[in-house]
Protein backbone atom coordinates (compact mmCIF):
# COMPACT_ATOMS: atom_id res chain seq x y z
CA MET A 1 -0.01 -0.50 -0.11
CA ARG A 2 1.40 2.91 -1.43
CA VAL A 3 0.61 6.42 1.60
CA ARG A 4 0.63 9.74 -0.10
CA GLU A 5 1.73 12.78 1.87
CA THR A 6 1.03 16.21 1.04
CA THR A 7 3.81 19.21 2.23
CA PHE A 8 2.40 22.42 3.13
CA TYR A 9 4.52 25.54 3.16
CA LEU A 10 4.03 29.41 4.37
CA GLU A 11 5.73 32.21 3.17
CA MET A 12 5.88 36.11 3.87
CA PRO A 13 8.07 37.54 1.13
CA ALA A 14 7.74 40.73 2.65
CA PRO A 15 7.35 41.92 6.85
CA THR A 16 4.70 44.40 5.26
CA ASP A 17 3.19 41.13 4.18
CA PHE A 18 1.96 40.75 7.92
CA GLN A 19 -0.81 42.01 9.32
CA PRO A 20 -1.17 41.64 13.40
CA ALA A 21 -4.61 40.54 14.21
CA LYS A 22 -7.14 42.80 16.12
CA GLN A 23 -7.58 42.75 19.71
CA PRO A 24 -10.87 40.81 20.58
CA ALA A 25 -12.90 43.14 22.13
CA ASP A 26 -13.24 41.31 26.05
CA PRO A 27 -9.15 39.57 26.34
CA PRO A 28 -8.96 36.02 28.02
CA THR A 29 -7.27 36.36 31.61
CA LEU A 30 -4.58 33.87 32.53
CA GLU A 31 -4.39 32.46 36.08
CA ARG A 32 -2.17 30.14 37.67
CA ILE A 33 -3.64 27.99 39.93
CA ASP A 34 -1.56 27.77 43.16
CA PRO A 35 -1.83 25.41 44.97
CA PRO A 36 -2.04 22.51 42.55
CA ARG A 37 -5.27 21.04 42.05
CA PRO A 38 -5.51 17.35 40.33
CA SER A 39 -8.87 16.88 40.25
CA LEU A 40 -9.43 20.46 38.26
CA ASN A 41 -7.03 19.22 36.39
CA ALA A 42 -9.07 15.79 35.86
CA GLU A 43 -11.56 18.10 34.65
CA LEU A 44 -9.76 20.50 32.31
CA TYR A 45 -7.72 17.42 30.33
CA ALA A 46 -11.35 15.58 29.97
CA ALA A 47 -13.33 18.33 29.20
CA VAL A 48 -10.46 20.53 26.85
CA GLY A 49 -9.40 17.55 25.25
CA ARG A 50 -13.31 15.55 23.65
CA ASP A 51 -13.19 16.56 20.66
CA TRP A 52 -9.33 16.01 20.08
CA LEU A 53 -9.40 12.57 21.23
CA TRP A 54 -6.99 12.84 24.04
CA VAL A 55 -7.62 9.82 26.59
CA ASP A 56 -3.90 8.84 27.88
CA ARG A 57 -4.74 10.50 31.06
CA LEU A 58 -9.12 9.65 31.77
CA GLY A 59 -7.68 6.80 33.33
CA TRP A 60 -5.93 8.54 36.80
CA SER A 61 -6.31 8.43 39.82
CA GLU A 62 -5.93 11.06 41.83
CA GLU A 63 -2.14 10.42 42.84
CA ASP A 64 -1.25 9.69 39.03
CA TRP A 65 -1.95 13.80 38.92
CA LEU A 66 -0.55 14.46 42.21
CA ALA A 67 2.50 12.55 41.30
CA THR A 68 2.99 14.86 38.11
CA LEU A 69 1.93 18.05 39.39
CA ALA A 70 4.10 17.89 42.25
CA ARG A 71 7.58 17.74 39.49
CA PRO A 72 9.31 20.52 40.01
CA GLY A 73 8.87 23.93 37.80
CA PHE A 74 4.92 21.88 36.34
CA GLU A 75 2.21 24.57 36.56
CA THR A 76 -0.91 25.08 35.65
CA TRP A 77 -2.13 28.43 33.61
CA ARG A 78 -6.72 28.72 33.62
CA ALA A 79 -8.08 31.82 30.99
CA ARG A 80 -11.39 32.20 31.49
CA ARG A 81 -13.08 34.79 29.42
CA ALA A 82 -16.10 36.37 31.02
CA GLY A 83 -15.69 34.79 34.07
CA LYS A 84 -15.92 31.22 32.05
CA PRO A 85 -12.97 28.45 31.13
CA VAL A 86 -11.98 29.05 27.87
CA GLY A 87 -7.81 26.63 28.06
CA TYR A 88 -5.59 25.68 29.63
CA PHE A 89 -1.97 25.28 29.67
CA ALA A 90 0.61 22.80 31.90
């Protein structure tokens, strides 16, 4: 079976071609979750990953989440817009 591969490129020949996006009327705010909360990380992972088929951590126990959150330098940040969660990164 032969697999067909497609490569796409983004080109900007001149810096003047760049047009910055307009700022949204209600920009999101970022908040660091401190102290870390395993249940919140599990909830955010499930909610954000649902449409992307994230399944690796769905079965994690609280101890699994605690071990991850306890790693040096690990942080969780949540984005909110109009008081509602709209994303996160960790």
